[in-house]
Amino acid sequence: MFQVRIHGRGGQGVVTGAEMLSIAAFLEGRHAQAFPSFGSERTGAPVVAFCRIDDKDIRLREPIMAPDAIIIQDPTLLHQVDVFQGLKADGYVLINSARSFDQLGIGEVASRLRAERQVCVPATEIAVKHLGRPVPSAVLLGAFAGLSNLIGLEAVKSAIRQKFSGRVAEGNIKAATEALELVQLRRARREVVDA
């Protein structure tokens, strides 16, 4: 079972991001579940959502305490909430930021992780470019597909079309595609440098 925990703030599409990830996995023939963890928080308050993906039925219903991947939609949470709690040693980390892990003040965390499984992507800027709004969830879904290879771009596009329609869907698809291509380009460059 592959488990993803998504951290963000109310109004950023954290729950929608988890739902689209589960839809994309389902469209590729796997079992998936997505659910949030929040109370009566208002817009801007920290929110966590979860997604599980497996090849067989998923019976667990509790929050994810030992994620295989963490997606951080709002980097201001990095020093307010222990977003890395329970992350597996070979886990994936995707952060919505144009800054590096060192610039974000989390270089020590990055040094403990596999370099090819961590990336920062300016998802908010990409969303504004394609949608005119700072909603990074679909952008991060595309970036996650490029980072993890857990889901494919066609499933991402279909999941977006199930949640949105018209210009909003097409803008989100363009944004997700750009993010996936950005992550793939960075991975290719890293492989060349490491070779």
C-alpha atoms as a PDB file:
ATOM      1  CA  MET A   1       0.000   0.000   0.000  1.00  0.00           C
ATOM      2  CA  PHE A   2       1.258   3.494  -0.894  1.00  0.00           C
ATOM      3  CA  GLN A   3       0.216   6.245   1.504  1.00  0.00           C
ATOM      4  CA  VAL A   4       0.286   9.998   0.849  1.00  0.00           C
ATOM      5  CA  ARG A   5      -0.217  12.813   3.336  1.00  0.00           C
ATOM      6  CA  ILE A   6      -0.985  16.299   2.008  1.00  0.00           C
ATOM      7  CA  HIS A   7      -0.426  19.390   4.170  1.00  0.00           C
ATOM      8  CA  GLY A   8      -1.809  22.805   3.337  1.00  0.00           C
ATOM      9  CA  ARG A   9      -4.180  25.489   4.462  1.00  0.00           C
ATOM     10  CA  GLY A  10      -7.933  25.749   4.150  1.00  0.00           C
ATOM     11  CA  GLY A  11      -8.916  27.096   0.749  1.00  0.00           C
ATOM     12  CA  GLN A  12      -5.846  25.755  -1.118  1.00  0.00           C
ATOM     13  CA  GLY A  13      -7.553  22.631  -2.438  1.00  0.00           C
ATOM     14  CA  VAL A  14      -5.855  20.148  -0.094  1.00  0.00           C
ATOM     15  CA  VAL A  15      -8.901  17.885   0.055  1.00  0.00           C
ATOM     16  CA  THR A  16      -9.507  18.238  -3.689  1.00  0.00           C
ATOM     17  CA  GLY A  17      -5.881  17.281  -4.339  1.00  0.00           C
ATOM     18  CA  ALA A  18      -6.249  14.071  -2.319  1.00  0.00           C
ATOM     19  CA  GLU A  19      -9.508  13.261  -4.115  1.00  0.00           C
ATOM     20  CA  MET A  20      -7.973  13.801  -7.562  1.00  0.00           C
ATOM     21  CA  LEU A  21      -5.000  11.597  -6.643  1.00  0.00           C
ATOM     22  CA  SER A  22      -7.358   8.801  -5.595  1.00  0.00           C
ATOM     23  CA  ILE A  23      -9.431   9.232  -8.785  1.00  0.00           C
ATOM     24  CA  ALA A  24      -6.278   9.046 -10.937  1.00  0.00           C
ATOM     25  CA  ALA A  25      -5.199   5.834  -9.199  1.00  0.00           C
ATOM     26  CA  PHE A  26      -8.692   4.366  -9.544  1.00  0.00           C
ATOM     27  CA  LEU A  27      -8.721   5.197 -13.266  1.00  0.00           C
ATOM     28  CA  GLU A  28      -5.519   3.177 -13.613  1.00  0.00           C
ATOM     29  CA  GLY A  29      -7.222   0.125 -12.099  1.00  0.00           C
ATOM     30  CA  ARG A  30      -6.110   0.391  -8.491  1.00  0.00           C
ATOM     31  CA  HIS A  31      -7.998   0.731  -5.239  1.00  0.00           C
ATOM     32  CA  ALA A  32      -7.804   4.145  -3.605  1.00  0.00           C
ATOM     33  CA  GLN A  33      -9.285   6.197  -0.809  1.00  0.00           C
ATOM     34  CA  ALA A  34      -8.986   9.865   0.081  1.00  0.00           C
ATOM     35  CA  PHE A  35     -10.183  11.672   3.178  1.00  0.00           C
ATOM     36  CA  PRO A  36      -9.429  14.876   5.087  1.00  0.00           C
ATOM     37  CA  SER A  37      -8.602  15.529   8.710  1.00  0.00           C
ATOM     38  CA  PHE A  38      -9.987  18.829   9.890  1.00  0.00           C
ATOM     39  CA  GLY A  39     -12.528  20.199  12.294  1.00  0.00           C
ATOM     40  CA  SER A  40     -14.181  23.563  12.071  1.00  0.00           C
ATOM     41  CA  GLU A  41     -11.088  25.349  10.769  1.00  0.00           C
ATOM     42  CA  ARG A  42     -11.546  28.423   8.671  1.00  0.00           C
ATOM     43  CA  THR A  43      -9.856  29.443   5.446  1.00  0.00           C
ATOM     44  CA  GLY A  44      -6.111  29.679   6.053  1.00  0.00           C
ATOM     45  CA  ALA A  45      -5.982  27.222   8.947  1.00  0.00           C
ATOM     46  CA  PRO A  46      -3.734  24.123   8.614  1.00  0.00           C
ATOM     47  CA  VAL A  47      -5.469  21.198   6.931  1.00  0.00           C
ATOM     48  CA  VAL A  48      -4.295  17.633   6.292  1.00  0.00           C
ATOM     49  CA  ALA A  49      -5.692  15.191   3.742  1.00  0.00           C
ATOM     50  CA  PHE A  50      -4.750  11.584   3.110  1.00  0.00           C
ATOM     51  CA  CYS A  51      -4.711   9.221   0.137  1.00  0.00           C
ATOM     52  CA  ARG A  52      -4.058   5.486   0.083  1.00  0.00           C
ATOM     53  CA  ILE A  53      -3.415   3.512  -3.098  1.00  0.00           C
ATOM     54  CA  ASP A  54      -3.171  -0.263  -3.381  1.00  0.00           C
ATOM     55  CA  ASP A  55      -3.735  -3.145  -5.772  1.00  0.00           C
ATOM     56  CA  LYS A  56      -6.240  -4.723  -3.379  1.00  0.00           C
ATOM     57  CA  ASP A  57      -9.092  -3.547  -1.178  1.00  0.00           C
ATOM     58  CA  ILE A  58      -8.151  -0.950   1.421  1.00  0.00           C
ATOM     59  CA  ARG A  59      -9.711  -1.556   4.796  1.00  0.00           C
ATOM     60  CA  LEU A  60      -7.779   0.991   6.870  1.00  0.00           C
ATOM     61  CA  ARG A  61      -9.632   4.175   7.771  1.00  0.00           C
ATOM     62  CA  GLU A  62      -7.331   5.905  10.236  1.00  0.00           C
ATOM     63  CA  PRO A  63      -5.067   8.881   9.488  1.00  0.00           C
ATOM     64  CA  ILE A  64      -1.718   8.137   7.851  1.00  0.00           C
ATOM     65  CA  MET A  65       1.042   8.226  10.444  1.00  0.00           C
ATOM     66  CA  ALA A  66       3.885   6.707   8.343  1.00  0.00           C
ATOM     67  CA  PRO A  67       3.486   8.150   4.825  1.00  0.00           C
ATOM     68  CA  ASP A  68       5.390   7.015   1.759  1.00  0.00           C
ATOM     69  CA  ALA A  69       5.026  10.541   0.371  1.00  0.00           C
ATOM     70  CA  ILE A  70       4.343  14.010   1.675  1.00  0.00           C
ATOM     71  CA  ILE A  71       2.985  16.867  -0.407  1.00  0.00           C
ATOM     72  CA  ILE A  72       3.263  20.299   1.173  1.00  0.00           C
ATOM     73  CA  GLN A  73       1.006  22.852  -0.492  1.00  0.00           C
ATOM     74  CA  ASP A  74       1.998  25.728   1.785  1.00  0.00           C
ATOM     75  CA  PRO A  75       5.690  26.078   2.731  1.00  0.00           C
ATOM     76  CA  THR A  76       4.812  28.369   5.664  1.00  0.00           C
ATOM     77  CA  LEU A  77       3.792  25.170   7.472  1.00  0.00           C
ATOM     78  CA  LEU A  78       7.355  23.803   7.372  1.00  0.00           C
ATOM     79  CA  HIS A  79       8.303  25.484  10.644  1.00  0.00           C
ATOM     80  CA  GLN A  80       4.835  25.501  12.248  1.00  0.00           C
ATOM     81  CA  VAL A  81       3.764  21.866  11.947  1.00  0.00           C
ATOM     82  CA  ASP A  82       5.866  18.681  11.987  1.00  0.00           C
ATOM     83  CA  VAL A  83       4.989  17.869   8.383  1.00  0.00           C
ATOM     84  CA  PHE A  84       7.774  15.270   8.115  1.00  0.00           C
ATOM     85  CA  GLN A  85       6.582  13.253  11.098  1.00  0.00           C
ATOM     86  CA  GLY A  86       6.603   9.532  10.321  1.00  0.00           C
ATOM     87  CA  LEU A  87       7.918   9.916   6.761  1.00  0.00           C
ATOM     88  CA  LYS A  88       9.527   6.666   5.665  1.00  0.00           C
ATOM     89  CA  ALA A  89      13.283   6.747   5.060  1.00  0.00           C
ATOM     90  CA  ASP A  90      12.828   6.186   1.329  1.00  0.00           C
ATOM     91  CA  GLY A  91       9.834   8.532   1.124  1.00  0.00           C
ATOM     92  CA  TYR A  92       8.980  11.223  -1.400  1.00  0.00           C
ATOM     93  CA  VAL A  93       8.710  14.927  -0.567  1.00  0.00           C
ATOM     94  CA  LEU A  94       7.052  17.468  -2.855  1.00  0.00           C
ATOM     95  CA  ILE A  95       6.933  21.104  -1.726  1.00  0.00           C
ATOM     96  CA  ASN A  96       5.113  24.006  -3.348  1.00  0.00           C
ATOM     97  CA  SER A  97       7.955  26.512  -3.509  1.00  0.00           C
ATOM     98  CA  ALA A  98      10.321  28.198  -5.941  1.00  0.00           C
ATOM     99  CA  ARG A  99      12.996  27.982  -3.237  1.00  0.00           C
ATOM    100  CA  SER A 100      15.327  25.036  -2.533  1.00  0.00           C
ATOM    101  CA  PHE A 101      15.227  22.832   0.550  1.00  0.00           C
ATOM    102  CA  ASP A 102      18.257  24.722   1.926  1.00  0.00           C
ATOM    103  CA  GLN A 103      16.631  28.099   1.270  1.00  0.00           C
ATOM    104  CA  LEU A 104      13.505  26.861   3.062  1.00  0.00           C
ATOM    105  CA  GLY A 105      15.625  25.973   6.102  1.00  0.00           C
ATOM    106  CA  ILE A 106      15.083  22.225   5.823  1.00  0.00           C
ATOM    107  CA  GLY A 107      18.406  21.162   4.291  1.00  0.00           C
ATOM    108  CA  GLU A 108      18.987  18.747   7.181  1.00  0.00           C
ATOM    109  CA  VAL A 109      15.736  16.930   6.388  1.00  0.00           C
ATOM    110  CA  ALA A 110      16.656  16.815   2.695  1.00  0.00           C
ATOM    111  CA  SER A 111      20.070  15.337   3.478  1.00  0.00           C
ATOM    112  CA  ARG A 112      18.388  12.301   5.062  1.00  0.00           C
ATOM    113  CA  LEU A 113      16.251  11.629   1.974  1.00  0.00           C
ATOM    114  CA  ARG A 114      17.090  10.210  -1.425  1.00  0.00           C
ATOM    115  CA  ALA A 115      17.850  13.147  -3.727  1.00  0.00           C
ATOM    116  CA  GLU A 116      15.724  11.792  -6.580  1.00  0.00           C
ATOM    117  CA  ARG A 117      12.676  11.600  -4.302  1.00  0.00           C
ATOM    118  CA  GLN A 118      12.502  15.242  -3.258  1.00  0.00           C
ATOM    119  CA  VAL A 119      11.587  18.302  -5.246  1.00  0.00           C
ATOM    120  CA  CYS A 120      10.306  21.836  -4.881  1.00  0.00           C
ATOM    121  CA  VAL A 121       7.952  23.100  -7.586  1.00  0.00           C
ATOM    122  CA  PRO A 122       6.560  26.652  -7.853  1.00  0.00           C
ATOM    123  CA  ALA A 123       3.013  25.309  -8.031  1.00  0.00           C
ATOM    124  CA  THR A 124       1.278  28.518  -6.991  1.00  0.00           C
ATOM    125  CA  GLU A 125       3.061  30.490  -9.717  1.00  0.00           C
ATOM    126  CA  ILE A 126       2.204  27.834 -12.315  1.00  0.00           C
ATOM    127  CA  ALA A 127      -1.447  27.876 -11.186  1.00  0.00           C
ATOM    128  CA  VAL A 128      -1.629  31.667 -11.461  1.00  0.00           C
ATOM    129  CA  LYS A 129      -0.092  31.474 -14.948  1.00  0.00           C
ATOM    130  CA  HIS A 130      -2.665  28.982 -16.242  1.00  0.00           C
ATOM    131  CA  LEU A 131      -5.713  29.713 -14.063  1.00  0.00           C
ATOM    132  CA  GLY A 132      -5.277  33.240 -12.812  1.00  0.00           C
ATOM    133  CA  ARG A 133      -5.742  31.935  -9.246  1.00  0.00           C
ATOM    134  CA  PRO A 134      -3.298  30.648  -6.593  1.00  0.00           C
ATOM    135  CA  VAL A 135      -4.737  27.116  -6.310  1.00  0.00           C
ATOM    136  CA  PRO A 136      -1.847  24.616  -6.440  1.00  0.00           C
ATOM    137  CA  SER A 137      -3.602  21.252  -5.967  1.00  0.00           C
ATOM    138  CA  ALA A 138      -3.805  20.131  -9.630  1.00  0.00           C
ATOM    139  CA  VAL A 139      -0.310  21.488 -10.298  1.00  0.00           C
ATOM    140  CA  LEU A 140       1.064  19.399  -7.446  1.00  0.00           C
ATOM    141  CA  LEU A 141      -0.823  16.360  -8.722  1.00  0.00           C
ATOM    142  CA  GLY A 142       1.066  16.660 -12.018  1.00  0.00           C
ATOM    143  CA  ALA A 143       4.357  17.202 -10.186  1.00  0.00           C
ATOM    144  CA  PHE A 144       3.675  14.171  -7.984  1.00  0.00           C
ATOM    145  CA  ALA A 145       3.060  12.033 -11.080  1.00  0.00           C
ATOM    146  CA  GLY A 146       6.430  13.134 -12.450  1.00  0.00           C
ATOM    147  CA  LEU A 147       8.238  12.585  -9.143  1.00  0.00           C
ATOM    148  CA  SER A 148       6.803   9.222  -8.128  1.00  0.00           C
ATOM    149  CA  ASN A 149       5.707   7.573 -11.401  1.00  0.00           C
ATOM    150  CA  LEU A 150       2.851   6.207  -9.280  1.00  0.00           C
ATOM    151  CA  ILE A 151       0.231   7.616 -11.652  1.00  0.00           C
ATOM    152  CA  GLY A 152       0.384   8.654 -15.282  1.00  0.00           C
ATOM    153  CA  LEU A 153      -0.365  11.969 -16.944  1.00  0.00           C
ATOM    154  CA  GLU A 154      -3.460  10.671 -18.754  1.00  0.00           C
ATOM    155  CA  ALA A 155      -4.987   9.551 -15.445  1.00  0.00           C
ATOM    156  CA  VAL A 156      -4.147  12.975 -13.968  1.00  0.00           C
ATOM    157  CA  LYS A 157      -5.902  14.711 -16.870  1.00  0.00           C
ATOM    158  CA  SER A 158      -8.965  12.480 -16.508  1.00  0.00           C
ATOM    159  CA  ALA A 159      -9.112  13.041 -12.740  1.00  0.00           C
ATOM    160  CA  ILE A 160      -8.969  16.805 -13.272  1.00  0.00           C
ATOM    161  CA  ARG A 161     -11.791  16.585 -15.827  1.00  0.00           C
ATOM    162  CA  GLN A 162     -13.893  14.663 -13.306  1.00  0.00           C
ATOM    163  CA  LYS A 163     -13.489  17.457 -10.717  1.00  0.00           C
ATOM    164  CA  PHE A 164     -13.625  20.492 -13.019  1.00  0.00           C
ATOM    165  CA  SER A 165     -15.056  21.453 -16.386  1.00  0.00           C
ATOM    166  CA  GLY A 166     -14.487  23.900 -19.215  1.00  0.00           C
ATOM    167  CA  ARG A 167     -11.701  26.458 -18.983  1.00  0.00           C
ATOM    168  CA  VAL A 168     -10.953  25.596 -15.363  1.00  0.00           C
ATOM    169  CA  ALA A 169     -10.322  21.956 -16.259  1.00  0.00           C
ATOM    170  CA  GLU A 170      -8.185  22.829 -19.269  1.00  0.00           C
ATOM    171  CA  GLY A 171      -6.177  25.391 -17.283  1.00  0.00           C
ATOM    172  CA  ASN A 172      -5.561  22.845 -14.530  1.00  0.00           C
ATOM    173  CA  ILE A 173      -4.496  20.246 -17.105  1.00  0.00           C
ATOM    174  CA  LYS A 174      -2.000  22.663 -18.668  1.00  0.00           C
ATOM    175  CA  ALA A 175      -0.661  23.542 -15.217  1.00  0.00           C
ATOM    176  CA  ALA A 176      -0.363  19.890 -14.147  1.00  0.00           C
ATOM    177  CA  THR A 177       1.370  19.008 -17.412  1.00  0.00           C
ATOM    178  CA  GLU A 178       3.859  21.865 -17.003  1.00  0.00           C
ATOM    179  CA  ALA A 179       4.646  20.723 -13.453  1.00  0.00           C
ATOM    180  CA  LEU A 180       5.150  17.102 -14.526  1.00  0.00           C
ATOM    181  CA  GLU A 181       7.478  18.187 -17.330  1.00  0.00           C
ATOM    182  CA  LEU A 182       9.413  20.457 -14.945  1.00  0.00           C
ATOM    183  CA  VAL A 183       9.970  17.585 -12.496  1.00  0.00           C
ATOM    184  CA  GLN A 184      11.016  15.225 -15.286  1.00  0.00           C
ATOM    185  CA  LEU A 185      13.468  17.828 -16.631  1.00  0.00           C
ATOM    186  CA  ARG A 186      14.996  18.309 -13.179  1.00  0.00           C
ATOM    187  CA  ARG A 187      15.339  14.546 -12.724  1.00  0.00           C
ATOM    188  CA  ALA A 188      17.027  14.198 -16.115  1.00  0.00           C
ATOM    189  CA  ARG A 189      19.480  17.003 -15.271  1.00  0.00           C
ATOM    190  CA  ARG A 190      20.270  15.406 -11.906  1.00  0.00           C
ATOM    191  CA  GLU A 191      20.971  12.056 -13.594  1.00  0.00           C
ATOM    192  CA  VAL A 192      23.387  13.752 -16.021  1.00  0.00           C
ATOM    193  CA  VAL A 193      25.195  15.513 -13.142  1.00  0.00           C
ATOM    194  CA  ASP A 194      25.365  12.305 -11.085  1.00  0.00           C
ATOM    195  CA  ALA A 195      26.647  10.223 -14.025  1.00  0.00           C
END
